[in-house]
Amino acid sequence: MNAPLLLKSLMGSALLASFSVSASLGQESAPPVVGEVEAVASPDPVSSSHADGTGAYHQPVWVQHRRFSTTRVHIQRNPWEAAVEQWWRGRLKDGEWKHLFQEELEIGLPGRMQFDLYEDWVVEDGKASHKDVAAEIRYGLADWGVIPLNPALYLEYKWVDPSHGADVIEPKLLLGDNFGDYQWGLNFVYERELGGENTEEIQITQGISKAVSDSWSLGLEMKYVHETVEGSRGNPEHKVLLGPSVQWRPTENTHLDVVALAGLTKDSPDIEGYVIFGIDFGGSSGGNKVHAPVSGRR
């Protein structure tokens, strides 16, 4: 695989800007008196707007900048807003690496919906090959904060190259919320291969994160996979992975995520790592857009 094929040109525009607050003092013509000024406490700049709704559906900024590699939350994109992401996922098992490279296009739709397109390439045993093309649709059941845990429904279909098996269908239930200064997400996943070995996976993924500065956040991610193939449903593989994640937002419309998961069972890969770089293109200015300083956009 040629490197230029994996490193595609990405362009974007700023998503949010700064805001300012002004105040004025009144003056009385009465005789001079000693007055009192009431102090107003300023919120912690790092944590002040973790839960502020800035998206068209009141979703916070951390939702719009994919915070977790293994877990998706609510609706990322506002209507007609677009974004692109380049993924690398590496798996180490018994001394051998398998690499997956994914290009993703995200498009926000009206009505709390989002449509994504993917193209996946793999490098195994030193050979590169095309794996699949996939489409995803997700739907938020309500605006952020209306229903507890902000549920959204997700459906993905993969058109898989015959050399890599049969097509795959993947529905998910997406949950997520703010708990104080912490951001949290949880997914329940069912994945089924529509032919071949009829591989079936039941997954539970989860992530938690906290901002530690204006542009950095640290977290923890986990994944559990129950996997079977036709003819041996009673002999499943159990994969459990757990590890740290970090996100850096170098600009208002870009994010870089690095995740390193360690396998905790014999069926798990020894290491599963992710690097994700994304750029937002902007879009509709409708909804509840809020202009806030970088330190308040967590």
Protein backbone atom coordinates (compact mmCIF):
# COMPACT_ATOMS: atom_id res chain seq x y z
CA MET A 1 0.00 0.00 0.00
CA ASN A 2 1.39 3.40 -0.99
CA ALA A 3 1.71 5.92 1.79
CA PRO A 4 -0.03 8.66 -0.25
CA LEU A 5 -3.09 6.43 -0.38
CA LEU A 6 -3.25 6.42 3.42
CA LEU A 7 -2.44 10.08 4.05
CA LYS A 8 -5.23 11.99 2.38
CA SER A 9 -5.43 15.76 2.24
CA LEU A 10 -7.63 17.13 4.98
CA MET A 11 -9.07 20.63 5.15
CA GLY A 12 -11.24 22.23 7.79
CA SER A 13 -12.64 25.39 9.22
CA ALA A 14 -12.88 26.55 12.79
CA LEU A 15 -15.83 25.17 14.79
CA LEU A 16 -15.97 27.54 17.73
CA ALA A 17 -14.64 31.00 18.64
CA SER A 18 -14.09 32.92 21.85
CA PHE A 19 -16.72 34.91 23.67
CA SER A 20 -16.50 37.90 26.06
CA VAL A 21 -18.68 39.22 28.83
CA SER A 22 -18.98 42.92 29.65
CA ALA A 23 -20.31 44.69 32.76
CA SER A 24 -21.10 48.30 33.59
CA LEU A 25 -21.12 50.39 36.78
CA GLY A 26 -23.90 52.82 37.70
CA GLN A 27 -23.38 56.07 39.60
CA GLU A 28 -25.71 57.92 41.97
CA SER A 29 -25.80 61.66 42.64
CA ALA A 30 -26.54 61.07 46.36
CA PRO A 31 -24.00 62.03 49.03
CA PRO A 32 -20.93 59.83 49.06
CA VAL A 33 -21.41 56.52 50.84
CA VAL A 34 -19.31 53.47 51.33
CA GLY A 35 -20.65 50.77 49.02
CA GLU A 36 -20.19 47.02 48.83
CA VAL A 37 -19.30 45.02 45.75
CA GLU A 38 -20.52 41.43 45.64
CA ALA A 39 -17.88 39.07 44.35
CA VAL A 40 -18.94 36.54 41.72
CA ALA A 41 -16.95 33.33 41.69
CA SER A 42 -15.47 32.33 38.35
CA PRO A 43 -15.87 28.70 37.30
CA ASP A 44 -12.93 26.42 36.89
CA PRO A 45 -11.76 27.18 33.30
CA VAL A 46 -10.97 23.55 32.57
CA SER A 47 -14.24 22.07 33.79
CA SER A 48 -16.76 24.92 33.50
CA SER A 49 -18.49 23.84 30.31
CA HIS A 50 -18.04 20.09 30.26
CA ALA A 51 -21.79 19.70 30.09
CA ASP A 52 -22.62 22.85 28.09
CA GLY A 53 -24.71 22.09 25.02
CA THR A 54 -22.97 23.66 22.04
CA GLY A 55 -24.20 21.44 19.21
CA ALA A 56 -27.43 21.68 17.26
CA TYR A 57 -28.88 19.01 19.57
CA HIS A 58 -27.31 20.51 22.73
CA GLN A 59 -24.59 17.86 22.71
CA PRO A 60 -21.35 19.00 24.41
CA VAL A 61 -18.17 19.60 22.46
CA TRP A 62 -16.49 16.38 23.63
CA VAL A 63 -19.24 14.44 21.84
CA GLN A 64 -18.58 16.35 18.62
CA HIS A 65 -14.85 15.54 18.79
CA ARG A 66 -14.93 11.73 18.98
CA ARG A 67 -13.49 11.24 22.46
CA PHE A 68 -13.28 7.44 22.47
CA SER A 69 -11.92 5.05 19.85
CA THR A 70 -14.00 2.06 20.92
CA THR A 71 -17.19 3.84 21.98
CA ARG A 72 -19.47 6.21 20.08
CA VAL A 73 -21.79 8.69 21.77
CA HIS A 74 -25.01 10.35 20.51
CA ILE A 75 -24.69 12.50 17.34
CA GLN A 76 -21.31 14.05 16.51
CA ARG A 77 -22.20 16.24 13.54
CA ASN A 78 -24.67 19.12 13.28
CA PRO A 79 -26.96 19.18 10.21
CA TRP A 80 -24.90 19.37 6.99
CA GLU A 81 -21.66 19.64 8.93
CA ALA A 82 -18.93 17.35 7.58
CA ALA A 83 -15.74 15.91 9.01
CA VAL A 84 -13.02 13.48 7.97
CA GLU A 85 -10.94 11.11 10.07
CA GLN A 86 -7.91 8.94 9.40
CA TRP A 87 -7.57 5.87 11.61
CA TRP A 88 -4.79 3.43 12.34
CA ARG A 89 -5.53 0.33 14.40
CA GLY A 90 -2.79 -2.14 15.20
CA ARG A 91 -3.14 -5.55 16.86
CA LEU A 92 -0.23 -7.55 18.24
CA LYS A 93 -0.80 -11.27 18.87
CA ASP A 94 1.94 -13.87 19.41
CA GLY A 95 4.58 -11.51 18.06
CA GLU A 96 2.75 -10.63 14.82
CA TRP A 97 1.20 -7.25 14.01
CA LYS A 98 -1.94 -6.73 11.95
CA HIS A 99 -2.64 -3.18 10.79
CA LEU A 100 -5.91 -1.60 9.70
CA PHE A 101 -6.10 1.84 8.05
CA GLN A 102 -9.49 3.51 7.81
CA GLU A 103 -10.63 6.66 6.03
CA GLU A 104 -13.93 8.04 7.32
CA LEU A 105 -16.30 10.76 6.08
CA GLU A 106 -18.99 12.00 8.50
CA ILE A 107 -22.05 14.03 7.43
CA GLY A 108 -24.64 15.46 9.78
CA LEU A 109 -28.30 15.21 8.75
CA PRO A 110 -31.42 16.95 10.07
CA GLY A 111 -33.57 15.23 12.66
CA ARG A 112 -30.76 14.05 14.97
CA MET A 113 -29.28 11.80 12.30
CA GLN A 114 -25.75 11.23 10.99
CA PHE A 115 -24.43 9.35 7.97
CA ASP A 116 -20.84 8.05 7.76
CA LEU A 117 -18.84 6.32 5.04
CA TYR A 118 -15.70 4.22 5.63
CA GLU A 119 -13.02 2.53 3.56
CA ASP A 120 -10.74 -0.01 5.23
CA TRP A 121 -7.34 -1.39 4.23
CA VAL A 122 -5.29 -4.00 6.05
CA VAL A 123 -1.65 -5.01 6.21
CA GLU A 124 -1.12 -8.61 7.31
CA ASP A 125 1.98 -10.78 6.88
CA GLY A 126 3.65 -7.87 5.11
CA LYS A 127 0.94 -7.68 2.43
CA ALA A 128 -1.53 -4.85 1.92
CA SER A 129 -5.07 -5.41 0.67
CA HIS A 130 -8.44 -3.71 0.47
CA LYS A 131 -10.82 -5.03 3.14
CA ASP A 132 -14.21 -3.33 2.87
CA VAL A 133 -16.38 -0.28 2.30
CA ALA A 134 -18.97 0.51 4.96
CA ALA A 135 -21.90 2.85 5.56
CA GLU A 136 -23.33 3.86 8.93
CA ILE A 137 -26.48 5.65 9.99
CA ARG A 138 -27.22 6.74 13.54
CA TYR A 139 -30.25 8.36 15.13
CA GLY A 140 -30.49 10.16 18.46
CA LEU A 141 -33.77 9.42 20.24
CA ALA A 142 -33.86 12.94 21.69
CA ASP A 143 -31.74 16.04 22.12
CA TRP A 144 -28.90 15.77 24.60
CA GLY A 145 -30.09 15.90 28.20
CA VAL A 146 -33.74 15.03 27.50
CA ILE A 147 -33.52 11.25 28.06
CA PRO A 148 -31.18 9.82 30.72
CA LEU A 149 -27.90 8.56 29.20
CA ASN A 150 -28.80 10.15 25.82
CA PRO A 151 -29.51 6.95 23.85
CA ALA A 152 -28.90 6.74 20.11
CA LEU A 153 -29.41 3.89 17.62
CA TYR A 154 -26.69 2.89 15.16
CA LEU A 155 -26.66 0.58 12.15
CA GLU A 156 -23.63 -0.24 9.97
CA TYR A 157 -23.31 -2.42 6.87
CA LYS A 158 -19.93 -3.53 5.47
CA TRP A 159 -19.44 -4.61 1.87
CA VAL A 160 -16.46 -6.90 2.40
CA ASP A 161 -13.94 -7.91 -0.23
CA PRO A 162 -14.46 -11.66 -0.89
CA SER A 163 -10.85 -12.36 0.08
CA HIS A 164 -11.69 -11.15 3.61
CA GLY A 165 -14.97 -12.98 4.14
CA ALA A 166 -18.66 -12.13 3.79
CA ASP A 167 -20.56 -8.88 4.29
CA VAL A 168 -21.22 -7.78 7.86
CA ILE A 169 -24.12 -6.06 9.62
CA GLU A 170 -23.61 -4.27 12.94
CA PRO A 171 -26.37 -2.63 15.05
CA LYS A 172 -25.48 -0.77 18.26
CA LEU A 173 -27.07 1.01 21.18
CA LEU A 174 -25.09 4.14 22.07
CA LEU A 175 -25.21 5.68 25.55
CA GLY A 176 -23.27 8.55 27.08
CA ASP A 177 -23.40 11.41 29.56
CA ASN A 178 -21.50 13.85 31.74
CA PHE A 179 -20.91 12.98 35.39
CA GLY A 180 -19.48 16.09 36.97
CA ASP A 181 -16.20 16.79 35.19
CA TYR A 182 -16.10 13.32 33.64
CA GLN A 183 -17.31 12.27 30.19
CA TRP A 184 -18.61 8.72 29.80
CA GLY A 185 -19.81 6.46 27.01
CA LEU A 186 -21.15 2.89 26.77
CA ASN A 187 -22.03 0.81 23.68
CA PHE A 188 -23.85 -2.50 23.30
CA VAL A 189 -22.91 -4.07 19.95
CA TYR A 190 -24.08 -7.04 17.90
CA GLU A 191 -22.03 -7.91 14.80
CA ARG A 192 -22.92 -10.70 12.37
CA GLU A 193 -21.15 -11.99 9.27
CA LEU A 194 -23.72 -12.74 6.54
CA GLY A 195 -22.03 -15.81 5.10
CA GLY A 196 -18.71 -17.64 5.25
CA GLU A 197 -18.09 -18.73 8.85
CA ASN A 198 -21.08 -16.63 10.00
CA THR A 199 -18.93 -15.10 12.71
CA GLU A 200 -21.03 -13.55 15.47
CA GLU A 201 -19.80 -11.00 18.00
CA ILE A 202 -21.47 -9.50 21.05
CA GLN A 203 -19.50 -6.54 22.36
CA ILE A 204 -19.64 -4.14 25.28
CA THR A 205 -17.39 -1.10 25.04
CA GLN A 206 -16.95 1.72 27.52
CA GLY A 207 -14.87 4.85 28.00
CA ILE A 208 -14.42 7.54 30.64
CA SER A 209 -12.42 10.75 30.34
CA LYS A 210 -11.57 14.02 32.07
CA ALA A 211 -10.07 17.24 30.74
CA VAL A 212 -6.76 18.14 32.37
CA SER A 213 -6.08 21.37 30.44
CA ASP A 214 -7.51 23.52 27.68
CA SER A 215 -6.60 21.06 24.93
CA TRP A 216 -5.74 17.77 26.64
CA SER A 217 -7.92 15.08 28.18
CA LEU A 218 -7.02 11.72 29.69
CA GLY A 219 -9.17 8.65 30.02
CA LEU A 220 -9.61 4.91 30.20
CA GLU A 221 -11.26 2.61 27.65
CA MET A 222 -12.36 -1.02 27.79
CA LYS A 223 -13.79 -3.58 25.40
CA TYR A 224 -15.35 -7.01 25.91
CA VAL A 225 -15.98 -9.31 22.91
CA HIS A 226 -17.87 -12.63 22.92
CA GLU A 227 -17.09 -14.23 19.53
CA THR A 228 -18.34 -17.47 17.96
CA VAL A 229 -18.40 -19.07 14.51
CA GLU A 230 -20.97 -21.39 12.96
CA GLY A 231 -20.59 -24.96 14.19
CA SER A 232 -19.01 -23.99 17.51
CA ARG A 233 -21.40 -21.52 19.11
CA GLY A 234 -20.92 -23.33 22.40
CA ASN A 235 -17.18 -22.65 22.40
CA PRO A 236 -16.88 -18.86 22.33
CA GLU A 237 -13.77 -16.71 22.52
CA HIS A 238 -13.75 -14.13 25.29
CA LYS A 239 -11.67 -11.02 24.65
CA VAL A 240 -11.20 -8.35 27.31
CA LEU A 241 -9.07 -5.27 26.67
CA LEU A 242 -8.36 -2.29 28.91
CA GLY A 243 -6.06 0.69 28.66
CA PRO A 244 -5.46 4.46 28.72
CA SER A 245 -6.47 7.01 26.13
CA VAL A 246 -5.45 10.60 25.48
CA GLN A 247 -6.93 13.28 23.25
CA TRP A 248 -5.19 16.44 22.06
CA ARG A 249 -7.04 19.25 20.31
CA PRO A 250 -4.32 21.32 18.62
CA THR A 251 -6.92 23.64 17.05
CA GLU A 252 -10.63 24.28 17.44
CA ASN A 253 -11.54 21.96 14.56
CA THR A 254 -9.00 19.15 14.90
CA HIS A 255 -8.42 16.31 17.33
CA LEU A 256 -5.79 13.60 17.75
CA ASP A 257 -6.54 10.48 19.80
CA VAL A 258 -4.07 7.84 20.96
CA VAL A 259 -5.29 4.68 22.71
CA ALA A 260 -3.34 1.64 23.95
CA LEU A 261 -5.36 -1.37 25.14
CA ALA A 262 -3.84 -4.45 26.77
CA GLY A 263 -5.38 -7.89 26.33
CA LEU A 264 -6.44 -9.51 29.61
CA THR A 265 -7.50 -12.98 28.38
CA LYS A 266 -5.82 -15.69 26.32
CA ASP A 267 -8.14 -15.01 23.38
CA SER A 268 -7.37 -11.29 23.36
CA PRO A 269 -4.66 -9.66 21.29
CA ASP A 270 -1.64 -8.82 23.41
CA ILE A 271 -1.94 -5.15 22.42
CA GLU A 272 -4.57 -3.21 20.48
CA GLY A 273 -3.63 0.38 19.65
CA TYR A 274 -5.40 3.26 17.91
CA VAL A 275 -4.32 6.59 16.44
CA ILE A 276 -7.12 8.81 15.09
CA PHE A 277 -6.78 12.25 13.49
CA GLY A 278 -9.89 14.23 12.58
CA ILE A 279 -10.80 17.58 11.01
CA ASP A 280 -14.22 19.27 11.07
CA PHE A 281 -15.40 21.21 8.03
CA GLY A 282 -18.13 23.17 9.79
CA GLY A 283 -21.66 23.42 8.50
CA SER A 284 -25.04 24.77 9.52
CA SER A 285 -24.99 27.45 12.17
CA GLY A 286 -28.40 26.39 13.45
CA GLY A 287 -29.05 24.84 16.81
CA ASN A 288 -27.54 25.95 20.07
CA LYS A 289 -24.07 26.98 18.97
CA VAL A 290 -22.18 28.66 21.79
CA HIS A 291 -18.97 30.60 21.51
CA ALA A 292 -16.70 29.78 24.43
CA PRO A 293 -13.00 30.01 25.23
CA VAL A 294 -11.00 26.87 24.58
CA SER A 295 -10.73 26.22 28.30
CA GLY A 296 -14.49 26.08 28.59
CA ARG A 297 -15.22 23.79 25.68
CA ARG A 298 -14.73 20.44 27.35
